[in-house]
Amino acid sequence: MTQQANMAEAFAPFQQALTQGWGRALESFRSMGVDAPGALGAMGTPPQMPKFSFAQDKLDGIRTQYLADTAELWQQGFAAKPAGDKRFAAEAWHSNPMSSFAAAAYLLNARTLLGMVDAVETDAKTRARLRFAVEQWLAATAPSNSLALNADAQKKALDTQGESIAKGMQNLMKDVQQGHVSMTDESAFEVGRNVATTEGAVVFENELFQLLEYKPLTAKVHERPFLLIPPCINKFYILDLQPTNSLIRYAVSQGHRVFVVSWRNPDDSLRDATWDDYIENAAIKAIHVVQEIGGTEQINTLGFCVGGTILGTALAVLAARGEKPAASVTLLTTLLDFRDTGILDIFIDEPMVAFRELQMGKGGMLPGADLASTFSFLRPNDLVWNYVVGNYLKGETPPPFDLLYWNSDATNLPGPFYAWYLRNTYLENKLAQPDAVTVCGEKVDLGRIDVPAYIYGSREDHIVPIGGAYASTQLLSGPRRFVMGASGHIAGVINPPASKKRSHWIRADGRLPAAQAEWLSGATEHAGSWWTDWSDWLKGHGGKLIAAPKTYGKARRYKAAEPAPGRYVKVRA
């Protein structure tokens, strides 16, 4: 046999594993109702395994290393110890020879398979998809996920005389009934009782949102009201979890008259709602109502994640109409330019978007559970299998954690809204192109947003990569300030000063070069939360201090209808 034939035979199992990983990933996403990258064509045709080959020199190196590592593993035998992976860190793994060897062999094979992905000769997107598929397969097949091999779970079963197994079965049945894996003790929380408790009232509502106004905590407030638009793919109370970590309460305590959009959790009555509806009848409507209640021509605005994309679109539409309602805009982990979408890019291509348009573009609903599952499987070991092991194999009840309770409180999305969003942002990136897309009858040009902007990105954000967040600095026209915080999409944002955690980066000279890496080379790290820097910036756009209002809303037209957080946010998907 030729050397090439020998190599092909030696690596046939890895080729098979890549194929199986791809196939299992596609099946897992289809089972969740989510289309994996390229999973379905425009007419729902079956997926095709992408074609690729391997770089021979890289294969030679992988083969040599694999044979050497395998020989060493067999030489160690049952004395082999898995190292460097928290899934196998418990002492029970190291004191059980069979489990220890299985974990060590698994880690060796995992390293080799991922090395095989790196050796693939193909385009970057196909390689990223292969890596994702293999990582999903590796996460699912880890020996820690099996009671037969999980030494730590076995020890707990012995120590509890089988009680942990019985409890695990109860946890499994409960999660099957509720339709998702429990990440926290959900019985410990209730919206309005111990999360989303900042005092306020609903002062306006329509079929898409309720507008909440919060009770002042200071004798005087800034004359310009402050409107927050959270993402509609989640519930607003991520900004108001507990009094100690509530961005809403913090803004109120800084002397701002704060209003927040609380999105309705859509049901079938909103199956035809479009992106234009969310811009015109929600974001723009909220801006106008806050202007009217506050009696001011301009207000301060904030958008978080998709809420920032909605806010940016709304302000561009209003600019095209000759309106300039915002004295300032804050964008938190927001994409306006969708060239850098990180791991989410592997899901987006023409067949996938066309299928979604065919499926729900003319009406329908994307269930919240589908989105929640997708985001969880972006970090499968931390957000899926960790809880499978703890809840079911060990019979543990996850501890109460407000952020994970919010994460499990899913929201639906109207199909036409979702289909428009996929095509015009993630696929074609039209918002970033002046006048390339029409919204609410107006050509959208983000460059017309000529107001002071505070743009924040999180360094380890896997949903809005730091480069994607930074790209907004190149689109808006007014004075811009960019700040980078440590940690990820949520933990980086929800970082109150009192916690004295993490850090943030600011560039003193205010320069905004084209690339985020160049910006960072001239930035300085500061300990603690970015909130104080933002608060100082926002006060400069709040206007003079006036007596705090004694009542919510505005007499006759906008009266307090019900206490915050309102009923919309309490509707479960």
Protein backbone atom coordinates (compact mmCIF):
# COMPACT_ATOMS: atom_id res chain seq x y z
CA MET A 1 0.00 0.00 0.00
CA THR A 2 1.17 3.54 -0.71
CA GLN A 3 1.88 5.99 2.09
CA GLN A 4 -1.21 7.96 1.03
CA ALA A 5 -3.35 4.83 1.29
CA ASN A 6 -1.89 4.03 4.70
CA MET A 7 -2.68 7.55 5.88
CA ALA A 8 -6.23 7.31 4.56
CA GLU A 9 -6.73 4.02 6.40
CA ALA A 10 -5.20 5.31 9.61
CA PHE A 11 -7.40 8.36 9.68
CA ALA A 12 -10.61 6.78 8.46
CA PRO A 13 -11.99 6.70 12.05
CA PHE A 14 -11.42 10.43 12.39
CA GLN A 15 -13.11 11.16 9.08
CA GLN A 16 -16.02 9.07 10.34
CA ALA A 17 -16.05 10.97 13.63
CA LEU A 18 -16.16 14.31 11.82
CA THR A 19 -19.05 13.06 9.72
CA GLN A 20 -20.86 11.71 12.78
CA GLY A 21 -20.25 14.93 14.68
CA TRP A 22 -21.69 16.96 11.81
CA GLY A 23 -24.69 14.69 11.46
CA ARG A 24 -25.43 14.53 15.19
CA ALA A 25 -25.16 18.29 15.48
CA LEU A 26 -27.65 18.72 12.65
CA GLU A 27 -30.02 16.20 14.20
CA SER A 28 -29.77 17.84 17.62
CA PHE A 29 -30.65 21.23 16.18
CA ARG A 30 -33.52 19.83 14.13
CA SER A 31 -34.87 18.17 17.27
CA MET A 32 -34.85 21.60 18.93
CA GLY A 33 -36.61 23.18 15.96
CA VAL A 34 -33.49 25.12 15.01
CA ASP A 35 -31.84 24.86 11.62
CA ALA A 36 -28.14 24.17 11.87
CA PRO A 37 -25.88 25.84 9.33
CA GLY A 38 -26.89 24.70 5.89
CA ALA A 39 -29.13 22.10 7.50
CA LEU A 40 -32.07 22.66 5.20
CA GLY A 41 -32.26 24.12 1.75
CA ALA A 42 -34.84 26.66 0.66
CA MET A 43 -37.36 23.88 0.05
CA GLY A 44 -36.38 21.76 3.04
CA THR A 45 -33.98 19.49 1.16
CA PRO A 46 -31.71 17.18 3.19
CA PRO A 47 -28.32 18.52 4.26
CA GLN A 48 -25.11 17.61 2.48
CA MET A 49 -21.88 16.87 4.30
CA PRO A 50 -19.44 19.63 3.29
CA LYS A 51 -16.55 18.52 1.11
CA PHE A 52 -13.05 18.94 2.46
CA SER A 53 -9.57 17.44 2.40
CA PHE A 54 -6.68 17.40 4.83
CA ALA A 55 -3.30 19.11 4.74
CA GLN A 56 -0.86 16.18 4.47
CA ASP A 57 1.92 17.78 6.53
CA LYS A 58 -0.48 18.56 9.37
CA LEU A 59 -1.85 15.02 9.26
CA ASP A 60 1.67 13.64 9.54
CA GLY A 61 2.25 15.70 12.66
CA ILE A 62 -1.10 14.73 14.18
CA ARG A 63 -0.49 11.04 13.44
CA THR A 64 2.98 11.10 14.99
CA GLN A 65 1.74 12.89 18.10
CA TYR A 66 -1.31 10.64 18.43
CA LEU A 67 0.74 7.44 18.21
CA ALA A 68 3.20 8.77 20.79
CA ASP A 69 0.45 9.87 23.17
CA THR A 70 -1.42 6.57 22.71
CA ALA A 71 1.71 4.58 23.49
CA GLU A 72 2.29 6.62 26.63
CA LEU A 73 -1.36 6.20 27.69
CA TRP A 74 -1.22 2.42 27.28
CA GLN A 75 2.06 2.32 29.14
CA GLN A 76 0.44 4.12 32.06
CA GLY A 77 -2.60 1.86 31.84
CA PHE A 78 -5.08 2.29 34.69
CA ALA A 79 -2.60 4.62 36.38
CA ALA A 80 -3.36 7.29 33.73
CA LYS A 81 -4.80 10.50 35.16
CA PRO A 82 -6.96 13.02 33.29
CA ALA A 83 -5.58 16.53 33.73
CA GLY A 84 -6.64 20.04 32.87
CA ASP A 85 -10.40 19.48 32.60
CA LYS A 86 -12.80 20.46 35.37
CA ARG A 87 -15.24 17.69 34.39
CA PHE A 88 -12.72 15.16 35.73
CA ALA A 89 -11.26 17.18 38.60
CA ALA A 90 -13.03 15.43 41.52
CA GLU A 91 -10.92 13.01 43.55
CA ALA A 92 -13.27 10.14 42.72
CA TRP A 93 -12.09 10.23 39.10
CA HIS A 94 -8.48 9.78 40.15
CA SER A 95 -9.17 7.00 42.63
CA ASN A 96 -11.22 4.92 40.16
CA PRO A 97 -8.78 3.38 37.61
CA MET A 98 -11.42 2.50 35.03
CA SER A 99 -12.99 5.96 35.00
CA SER A 100 -9.63 7.67 35.13
CA PHE A 101 -8.37 5.75 32.11
CA ALA A 102 -11.60 6.41 30.18
CA ALA A 103 -11.33 10.14 30.85
CA ALA A 104 -7.66 10.26 29.84
CA ALA A 105 -8.40 8.37 26.61
CA TYR A 106 -11.32 10.69 25.89
CA LEU A 107 -9.17 13.80 26.32
CA LEU A 108 -6.51 12.35 24.01
CA ASN A 109 -9.07 11.57 21.31
CA ALA A 110 -10.69 14.97 21.74
CA ARG A 111 -7.37 16.76 21.21
CA THR A 112 -6.72 14.66 18.13
CA LEU A 113 -10.14 15.25 16.59
CA LEU A 114 -9.87 18.99 17.09
CA GLY A 115 -6.40 18.85 15.57
CA MET A 116 -7.94 17.07 12.61
CA VAL A 117 -10.37 19.97 12.20
CA ASP A 118 -7.48 22.41 12.17
CA ALA A 119 -5.86 20.30 9.43
CA VAL A 120 -8.89 20.55 7.15
CA GLU A 121 -8.28 22.42 3.92
CA THR A 122 -11.45 24.36 3.22
CA ASP A 123 -12.90 27.83 3.63
CA ALA A 124 -12.98 29.42 7.08
CA LYS A 125 -16.76 29.12 7.51
CA THR A 126 -16.83 25.40 6.71
CA ARG A 127 -13.93 24.82 9.11
CA ALA A 128 -15.78 26.74 11.84
CA ARG A 129 -18.88 24.62 11.21
CA LEU A 130 -16.87 21.41 11.39
CA ARG A 131 -15.25 22.51 14.64
CA PHE A 132 -18.64 23.36 16.11
CA ALA A 133 -20.08 20.01 15.07
CA VAL A 134 -17.13 18.07 16.48
CA GLU A 135 -17.21 20.08 19.71
CA GLN A 136 -20.92 19.28 20.10
CA TRP A 137 -20.20 15.57 19.55
CA LEU A 138 -17.29 15.60 21.98
CA ALA A 139 -19.33 17.41 24.64
CA ALA A 140 -22.17 14.90 24.31
CA THR A 141 -19.93 11.78 24.41
CA ALA A 142 -17.78 12.73 27.40
CA PRO A 143 -17.49 9.88 29.95
CA SER A 144 -18.67 12.33 32.62
CA ASN A 145 -22.14 12.18 31.02
CA SER A 146 -22.47 8.44 31.69
CA LEU A 147 -23.31 6.98 35.09
CA ALA A 148 -21.37 3.86 34.08
CA LEU A 149 -18.16 5.91 33.84
CA ASN A 150 -18.73 8.93 36.06
CA ALA A 151 -16.83 7.96 39.19
CA ASP A 152 -17.99 11.04 41.08
CA ALA A 153 -21.67 10.22 40.47
CA GLN A 154 -21.06 6.57 41.40
CA LYS A 155 -19.45 7.57 44.68
CA LYS A 156 -22.38 9.83 45.50
CA ALA A 157 -24.81 7.01 44.77
CA LEU A 158 -22.93 4.75 47.19
CA ASP A 159 -22.61 7.44 49.84
CA THR A 160 -26.35 8.20 49.69
CA GLN A 161 -27.39 4.54 49.36
CA GLY A 162 -28.99 5.21 46.00
CA GLU A 163 -30.90 8.31 47.06
CA SER A 164 -29.02 10.49 44.56
CA ILE A 165 -30.16 8.26 41.69
CA ALA A 166 -33.78 8.42 42.82
CA LYS A 167 -33.55 12.19 43.16
CA GLY A 168 -31.93 12.39 39.73
CA MET A 169 -34.86 10.54 38.17
CA GLN A 170 -37.26 12.95 39.86
CA ASN A 171 -35.28 15.89 38.49
CA LEU A 172 -35.32 14.35 35.02
CA MET A 173 -39.10 13.88 35.03
CA LYS A 174 -39.61 17.44 36.27
CA ASP A 175 -37.41 18.88 33.53
CA VAL A 176 -39.17 16.78 30.88
CA GLN A 177 -42.48 18.22 32.04
CA GLN A 178 -41.25 21.83 32.01
CA GLY A 179 -39.49 21.38 28.68
CA HIS A 180 -35.95 22.48 29.57
CA VAL A 181 -32.98 21.54 31.74
CA SER A 182 -33.06 23.34 35.09
CA MET A 183 -30.09 25.63 35.56
CA THR A 184 -31.28 27.02 38.88
CA ASP A 185 -33.94 26.45 41.49
CA GLU A 186 -36.71 28.27 39.63
CA SER A 187 -39.09 27.97 42.57
CA ALA A 188 -36.91 30.43 44.48
CA PHE A 189 -37.85 33.37 42.23
CA GLU A 190 -40.95 35.22 41.16
CA VAL A 191 -41.03 38.25 38.88
CA GLY A 192 -42.21 41.24 40.88
CA ARG A 193 -41.55 39.56 44.23
CA ASN A 194 -37.78 39.11 44.39
CA VAL A 195 -36.64 39.98 40.85
CA ALA A 196 -37.75 43.08 38.91
CA THR A 197 -38.67 44.86 42.15
CA THR A 198 -37.66 48.47 41.50
CA GLU A 199 -40.73 50.57 42.30
CA GLY A 200 -42.60 51.99 39.34
CA ALA A 201 -45.75 51.82 37.23
CA VAL A 202 -47.01 51.07 33.74
CA VAL A 203 -47.85 54.40 32.08
CA PHE A 204 -48.58 53.23 28.53
CA GLU A 205 -49.17 49.98 26.66
CA ASN A 206 -50.13 48.68 23.25
CA GLU A 207 -50.11 45.21 21.67
CA LEU A 208 -46.28 45.11 21.54
CA PHE A 209 -45.01 46.61 24.80
CA GLN A 210 -45.70 48.23 28.12
CA LEU A 211 -43.84 51.39 29.08
CA LEU A 212 -42.68 51.45 32.70
CA GLU A 213 -41.78 54.58 34.61
CA TYR A 214 -39.80 54.27 37.86
CA LYS A 215 -40.24 56.20 41.07
CA PRO A 216 -37.46 58.79 41.64
CA LEU A 217 -35.00 58.10 44.44
CA THR A 218 -33.68 61.67 44.52
CA ALA A 219 -35.34 65.00 45.30
CA LYS A 220 -34.27 66.37 41.93
CA VAL A 221 -33.93 64.69 38.55
CA HIS A 222 -32.36 65.63 35.24
CA GLU A 223 -34.84 67.40 32.99
CA ARG A 224 -34.31 64.99 30.09
CA PRO A 225 -35.97 61.61 30.68
CA PHE A 226 -34.02 58.40 30.09
CA LEU A 227 -35.50 55.55 27.99
CA LEU A 228 -34.07 52.01 28.00
CA ILE A 229 -34.89 49.54 25.22
CA PRO A 230 -33.87 45.98 26.17
CA PRO A 231 -33.69 43.04 23.73
CA CYS A 232 -37.04 41.58 22.71
CA ILE A 233 -35.51 38.09 22.62
CA ASN A 234 -35.24 38.25 26.41
CA LYS A 235 -37.15 39.93 29.21
CA PHE A 236 -36.22 43.40 30.42
CA TYR A 237 -35.53 42.44 34.03
CA ILE A 238 -31.97 41.40 33.24
CA LEU A 239 -31.54 45.14 33.90
CA ASP A 240 -33.41 44.85 37.22
CA LEU A 241 -32.56 41.50 38.81
CA GLN A 242 -31.87 42.49 42.42
CA PRO A 243 -31.54 45.94 44.03
CA THR A 244 -27.78 45.39 44.35
CA ASN A 245 -27.19 44.62 40.68
CA SER A 246 -29.98 46.57 38.98
CA LEU A 247 -28.84 48.93 36.22
CA ILE A 248 -32.33 50.45 36.28
CA ARG A 249 -32.19 51.22 40.00
CA TYR A 250 -28.65 52.57 39.58
CA ALA A 251 -29.80 54.98 36.87
CA VAL A 252 -32.72 56.11 39.06
CA SER A 253 -30.35 56.65 42.00
CA GLN A 254 -28.17 58.86 39.78
CA GLY A 255 -31.02 61.31 39.35
CA HIS A 256 -32.55 60.19 36.05
CA ARG A 257 -36.27 59.90 35.31
CA VAL A 258 -36.16 56.37 33.97
CA PHE A 259 -38.52 54.65 31.51
CA VAL A 260 -38.16 51.07 30.26
CA VAL A 261 -39.78 49.14 27.42
CA SER A 262 -41.22 45.83 28.66
CA TRP A 263 -41.84 43.72 25.57
CA ARG A 264 -44.91 41.56 25.29
CA ASN A 265 -44.17 37.84 25.11
CA PRO A 266 -45.81 37.23 21.70
CA ASP A 267 -48.60 34.72 21.22
CA ASP A 268 -50.40 33.72 18.03
CA SER A 269 -52.18 37.09 17.86
CA LEU A 270 -48.79 38.61 16.92
CA ARG A 271 -47.82 35.95 14.39
CA ASP A 272 -47.84 38.58 11.61
CA ALA A 273 -45.81 41.26 13.43
CA THR A 274 -42.90 42.61 11.38
CA TRP A 275 -39.63 44.44 12.00
CA ASP A 276 -41.39 47.62 10.85
CA ASP A 277 -44.07 47.06 13.51
CA TYR A 278 -41.43 46.80 16.25
CA ILE A 279 -39.72 49.97 15.02
CA GLU A 280 -42.80 52.15 14.38
CA ASN A 281 -45.26 50.89 16.98
CA ALA A 282 -42.79 50.09 19.75
CA ALA A 283 -39.41 51.87 19.68
CA ILE A 284 -40.59 55.07 17.97
CA LYS A 285 -43.85 55.06 19.91
CA ALA A 286 -41.96 54.71 23.20
CA ILE A 287 -39.66 57.60 22.27
CA HIS A 288 -42.60 59.87 21.48
CA VAL A 289 -44.51 58.92 24.63
CA VAL A 290 -41.47 59.61 26.84
CA GLN A 291 -40.97 62.95 25.09
CA GLU A 292 -44.59 63.85 25.77
CA ILE A 293 -44.56 62.71 29.40
CA GLY A 294 -41.29 64.50 30.08
CA GLY A 295 -42.35 67.63 28.20
CA THR A 296 -38.99 67.75 26.43
CA GLU A 297 -37.91 67.78 22.80
CA GLN A 298 -35.04 65.43 23.52
CA ILE A 299 -34.50 62.40 25.75
CA ASN A 300 -31.55 60.15 26.56
CA THR A 301 -31.73 56.63 25.16
CA LEU A 302 -30.15 53.24 25.76
CA GLY A 303 -30.35 49.99 23.78
CA PHE A 304 -29.06 46.62 24.96
CA CYS A 305 -28.17 43.85 22.47
CA VAL A 306 -31.01 43.50 19.93
CA GLY A 307 -32.64 46.42 21.73
CA GLY A 308 -29.70 48.51 20.56
CA THR A 309 -30.20 47.34 16.97
CA ILE A 310 -33.87 48.31 17.25
CA LEU A 311 -33.02 51.67 18.82
CA GLY A 312 -30.40 52.45 16.17
CA THR A 313 -32.86 51.61 13.40
CA ALA A 314 -35.59 53.74 15.00
CA LEU A 315 -33.31 56.77 15.40
CA ALA A 316 -32.19 56.44 11.76
CA VAL A 317 -35.83 56.31 10.62
CA LEU A 318 -36.64 59.39 12.68
CA ALA A 319 -33.55 61.17 11.32
CA ALA A 320 -34.80 60.49 7.79
CA ARG A 321 -38.06 62.19 8.83
CA GLY A 322 -36.21 65.22 10.13
CA GLU A 323 -36.60 64.31 13.82
CA LYS A 324 -33.75 64.31 16.34
CA PRO A 325 -35.35 63.11 19.59
CA ALA A 326 -32.20 61.72 21.27
CA ALA A 327 -29.83 63.92 23.23
CA SER A 328 -27.60 60.84 23.57
CA VAL A 329 -27.57 57.14 22.77
CA THR A 330 -25.98 54.34 24.76
CA LEU A 331 -25.40 51.00 23.03
CA LEU A 332 -24.58 47.99 25.21
CA THR A 333 -23.20 44.87 23.46
CA THR A 334 -25.02 45.86 20.29
CA LEU A 335 -24.53 44.89 16.65
CA LEU A 336 -25.25 47.53 14.01
CA ASP A 337 -22.57 46.24 11.64
CA PHE A 338 -22.99 42.46 11.33
CA ARG A 339 -19.70 41.57 9.66
CA ASP A 340 -18.32 40.07 12.88
CA THR A 341 -20.97 37.91 14.53
CA GLY A 342 -18.66 35.29 16.03
CA ILE A 343 -19.90 31.75 16.49
CA LEU A 344 -23.43 32.68 15.37
CA ASP A 345 -22.11 33.08 11.83
CA ILE A 346 -22.01 29.30 11.39
CA PHE A 347 -25.82 29.19 11.47
CA ILE A 348 -26.37 31.79 8.78
CA ASP A 349 -26.37 31.17 5.05
CA GLU A 350 -28.79 31.68 2.18
CA PRO A 351 -30.49 28.24 2.38
CA MET A 352 -31.09 28.58 6.13
CA VAL A 353 -32.52 32.11 5.85
CA ALA A 354 -34.63 31.19 2.81
CA PHE A 355 -36.05 28.23 4.70
CA ARG A 356 -36.98 30.42 7.66
CA GLU A 357 -38.65 32.89 5.29
CA LEU A 358 -40.59 30.05 3.70
CA GLN A 359 -41.47 28.62 7.09
CA MET A 360 -42.57 31.77 8.93
CA GLY A 361 -41.81 34.87 6.88
CA LYS A 362 -45.49 35.40 6.08
CA GLY A 363 -46.71 34.56 9.56
CA GLY A 364 -45.86 32.26 12.41
CA MET A 365 -43.94 32.12 15.65
CA LEU A 366 -40.40 31.17 16.69
CA PRO A 367 -40.79 29.47 20.08
CA GLY A 368 -38.68 30.88 22.85
CA ALA A 369 -37.43 27.41 23.78
CA ASP A 370 -35.73 27.14 20.39
CA LEU A 371 -33.71 30.31 20.93
CA ALA A 372 -32.88 29.34 24.50
CA SER A 373 -31.61 25.91 23.39
CA THR A 374 -29.51 27.42 20.63
CA PHE A 375 -27.79 29.86 22.95
CA SER A 376 -27.20 27.14 25.55
CA PHE A 377 -25.55 24.85 23.00
CA LEU A 378 -23.10 27.59 22.10
CA ARG A 379 -21.46 26.62 25.41
CA PRO A 380 -22.58 22.99 25.80
CA ASN A 381 -20.31 21.92 28.62
CA ASP A 382 -21.19 24.89 30.83
CA LEU A 383 -24.86 25.40 29.97
CA VAL A 384 -26.11 21.89 29.09
CA TRP A 385 -24.05 18.87 30.14
CA ASN A 386 -22.93 20.38 33.43
CA TYR A 387 -26.58 20.45 34.50
CA VAL A 388 -27.36 17.04 33.02
CA VAL A 389 -24.61 15.55 35.21
CA GLY A 390 -25.52 17.51 38.32
CA ASN A 391 -29.31 17.24 38.07
CA TYR A 392 -29.71 13.67 36.84
CA LEU A 393 -26.55 11.65 37.58
CA LYS A 394 -25.87 13.21 40.98
CA GLY A 395 -29.44 14.13 41.94
CA GLU A 396 -28.48 17.68 42.87
CA THR A 397 -30.77 20.71 42.87
CA PRO A 398 -28.96 23.66 41.30
CA PRO A 399 -28.68 26.60 43.71
CA PRO A 400 -30.83 29.73 43.31
CA PHE A 401 -29.25 32.19 40.87
CA ASP A 402 -31.24 35.16 39.59
CA LEU A 403 -29.36 35.48 36.30
CA LEU A 404 -29.96 31.82 35.38
CA TYR A 405 -33.62 32.15 36.35
CA TRP A 406 -33.89 35.03 33.87
CA ASN A 407 -31.99 32.96 31.30
CA SER A 408 -34.65 30.24 31.57
CA ASP A 409 -37.55 32.69 31.19
CA ALA A 410 -37.80 32.45 27.41
CA THR A 411 -39.65 34.70 24.97
CA ASN A 412 -41.20 33.94 21.59
CA LEU A 413 -40.57 35.96 18.43
CA PRO A 414 -42.99 36.70 15.59
CA GLY A 415 -41.90 34.85 12.45
CA PRO A 416 -41.93 37.81 10.01
CA PHE A 417 -39.89 39.91 12.46
CA TYR A 418 -37.36 37.09 12.86
CA ALA A 419 -37.08 36.34 9.14
CA TRP A 420 -36.50 40.02 8.27
CA TYR A 421 -33.89 40.31 11.01
CA LEU A 422 -31.97 37.24 9.80
CA ARG A 423 -31.78 38.34 6.18
CA ASN A 424 -31.18 42.06 6.52
CA THR A 425 -28.70 41.93 9.38
CA TYR A 426 -26.89 38.62 9.85
CA LEU A 427 -26.98 37.52 6.20
CA GLU A 428 -26.81 40.71 4.12
CA ASN A 429 -25.68 43.31 6.70
CA LYS A 430 -27.85 45.97 5.12
CA LEU A 431 -28.21 48.19 8.20
CA ALA A 432 -24.53 49.04 7.93
CA GLN A 433 -24.91 50.13 4.29
CA PRO A 434 -26.35 53.65 3.85
CA ASP A 435 -29.80 53.60 2.24
CA ALA A 436 -29.56 49.87 1.47
CA VAL A 437 -32.75 48.95 3.31
CA THR A 438 -36.12 50.62 3.81
CA VAL A 439 -37.80 50.52 7.22
CA CYS A 440 -41.15 52.16 7.96
CA GLY A 441 -41.05 53.79 4.52
CA GLU A 442 -37.65 55.43 5.09
CA LYS A 443 -34.17 54.64 3.78
CA VAL A 444 -31.98 53.74 6.75
CA ASP A 445 -28.62 55.48 7.10
CA LEU A 446 -27.08 55.08 10.55
CA GLY A 447 -24.70 57.89 9.72
CA ARG A 448 -27.62 60.29 10.15
CA ILE A 449 -27.55 59.54 13.91
CA ASP A 450 -25.51 62.61 14.77
CA VAL A 451 -25.73 62.56 18.57
CA PRO A 452 -23.27 61.76 21.38
CA ALA A 453 -22.93 57.99 21.71
CA TYR A 454 -21.55 55.77 24.47
CA ILE A 455 -20.70 52.37 23.00
CA TYR A 456 -19.88 49.44 25.28
CA GLY A 457 -18.58 45.97 24.37
CA SER A 458 -17.59 42.96 26.51
CA ARG A 459 -14.19 41.40 25.91
CA GLU A 460 -15.30 37.74 26.11
CA ASP A 461 -18.74 38.17 24.56
CA HIS A 462 -19.60 35.12 22.39
CA ILE A 463 -22.93 36.59 21.17
CA VAL A 464 -21.78 40.11 20.24
CA PRO A 465 -18.01 39.80 19.73
CA ILE A 466 -15.98 42.75 20.88
CA GLY A 467 -15.06 43.58 17.28
CA GLY A 468 -18.72 43.62 16.30
CA ALA A 469 -19.62 45.93 19.18
CA TYR A 470 -16.72 48.24 18.33
CA ALA A 471 -17.80 48.46 14.67
CA SER A 472 -20.65 50.78 15.68
CA THR A 473 -18.06 53.48 16.33
CA GLN A 474 -17.44 53.62 12.58
CA LEU A 475 -21.11 54.05 11.64
CA LEU A 476 -22.48 56.81 13.86
CA SER A 477 -21.68 60.47 13.20
CA GLY A 478 -21.75 62.26 16.55
CA PRO A 479 -19.13 62.35 19.33
CA ARG A 480 -18.47 58.73 20.34
CA ARG A 481 -16.95 57.10 23.39
CA PHE A 482 -16.04 53.40 23.39
CA VAL A 483 -15.48 51.36 26.54
CA MET A 484 -14.59 47.69 26.80
CA GLY A 485 -15.50 45.67 29.88
CA ALA A 486 -14.18 42.34 31.10
CA SER A 487 -16.22 39.12 30.98
CA GLY A 488 -19.11 38.22 28.66
CA HIS A 489 -22.42 39.29 27.19
CA ILE A 490 -24.32 39.49 30.50
CA ALA A 491 -21.76 39.44 33.31
CA GLY A 492 -19.79 42.22 31.65
CA VAL A 493 -22.86 44.47 31.47
CA ILE A 494 -24.41 43.63 34.84
CA ASN A 495 -21.42 44.68 36.93
CA PRO A 496 -22.43 47.19 39.63
CA PRO A 497 -19.69 49.37 41.16
CA ALA A 498 -20.37 48.10 44.68
CA SER A 499 -19.29 44.59 43.72
CA LYS A 500 -15.78 45.85 42.89
CA LYS A 501 -15.40 43.12 40.29
CA ARG A 502 -13.72 42.89 36.91
CA SER A 503 -12.29 45.86 35.04
CA HIS A 504 -12.80 48.03 31.97
CA TRP A 505 -10.67 49.72 29.34
CA ILE A 506 -10.80 53.35 28.19
CA ARG A 507 -8.68 55.19 25.65
CA ALA A 508 -7.77 58.57 27.10
CA ASP A 509 -7.08 60.26 23.77
CA GLY A 510 -10.57 59.37 22.53
CA ARG A 511 -9.28 58.09 19.16
CA LEU A 512 -11.43 55.52 17.36
CA PRO A 513 -9.28 53.80 14.72
CA ALA A 514 -10.89 51.42 12.26
CA ALA A 515 -9.89 48.23 14.11
CA GLN A 516 -10.73 47.37 17.71
CA ALA A 517 -7.29 45.81 18.23
CA GLU A 518 -5.66 49.12 17.34
CA TRP A 519 -8.01 50.93 19.73
CA LEU A 520 -7.06 48.49 22.51
CA SER A 521 -3.33 49.05 21.95
CA GLY A 522 -3.80 52.62 23.17
CA ALA A 523 -6.34 51.89 25.93
CA THR A 524 -5.75 51.75 29.67
CA GLU A 525 -7.26 49.17 32.03
CA HIS A 526 -9.19 50.47 35.05
CA ALA A 527 -10.28 48.36 38.00
CA GLY A 528 -13.97 47.85 38.70
CA SER A 529 -17.21 48.61 36.91
CA TRP A 530 -17.66 50.77 33.81
CA TRP A 531 -20.97 52.02 35.25
CA THR A 532 -19.38 55.02 36.99
CA ASP A 533 -17.69 56.21 33.79
CA TRP A 534 -20.97 55.85 31.91
CA SER A 535 -22.92 57.63 34.66
CA ASP A 536 -20.56 60.61 34.56
CA TRP A 537 -20.92 60.74 30.78
CA LEU A 538 -24.73 60.46 30.88
CA LYS A 539 -25.09 63.27 33.44
CA GLY A 540 -23.48 65.59 30.93
CA HIS A 541 -26.43 65.00 28.59
CA GLY A 542 -29.23 65.03 31.18
CA GLY A 543 -29.83 68.77 31.26
CA LYS A 544 -30.44 70.85 34.36
CA LEU A 545 -31.82 69.39 37.60
CA ILE A 546 -35.52 69.94 38.32
CA ALA A 547 -37.86 68.83 41.08
CA ALA A 548 -38.65 65.13 40.86
CA PRO A 549 -42.21 64.41 39.70
CA LYS A 550 -44.69 63.45 42.40
CA THR A 551 -46.78 61.19 40.17
CA TYR A 552 -46.21 58.78 37.32
CA GLY A 553 -46.92 59.62 33.71
CA LYS A 554 -48.81 62.73 32.74
CA ALA A 555 -52.20 63.92 33.89
CA ARG A 556 -55.22 62.68 31.96
CA ARG A 557 -53.44 60.88 29.10
CA TYR A 558 -50.69 58.75 30.67
CA LYS A 559 -51.78 57.55 34.10
CA ALA A 560 -50.37 54.72 36.18
CA ALA A 561 -52.28 51.63 35.03
CA GLU A 562 -50.65 48.96 37.20
CA PRO A 563 -47.51 48.60 39.34
CA ALA A 564 -44.18 47.70 37.78
CA PRO A 565 -43.04 45.31 36.48
CA GLY A 566 -46.46 45.00 34.79
CA ARG A 567 -48.20 41.92 33.49
CA TYR A 568 -46.49 41.55 30.09
CA VAL A 569 -43.20 40.44 31.62
CA LYS A 570 -44.92 37.76 33.70
CA VAL A 571 -46.22 35.83 30.68
CA ARG A 572 -44.24 32.62 30.19
CA ALA A 573 -43.42 31.28 26.73
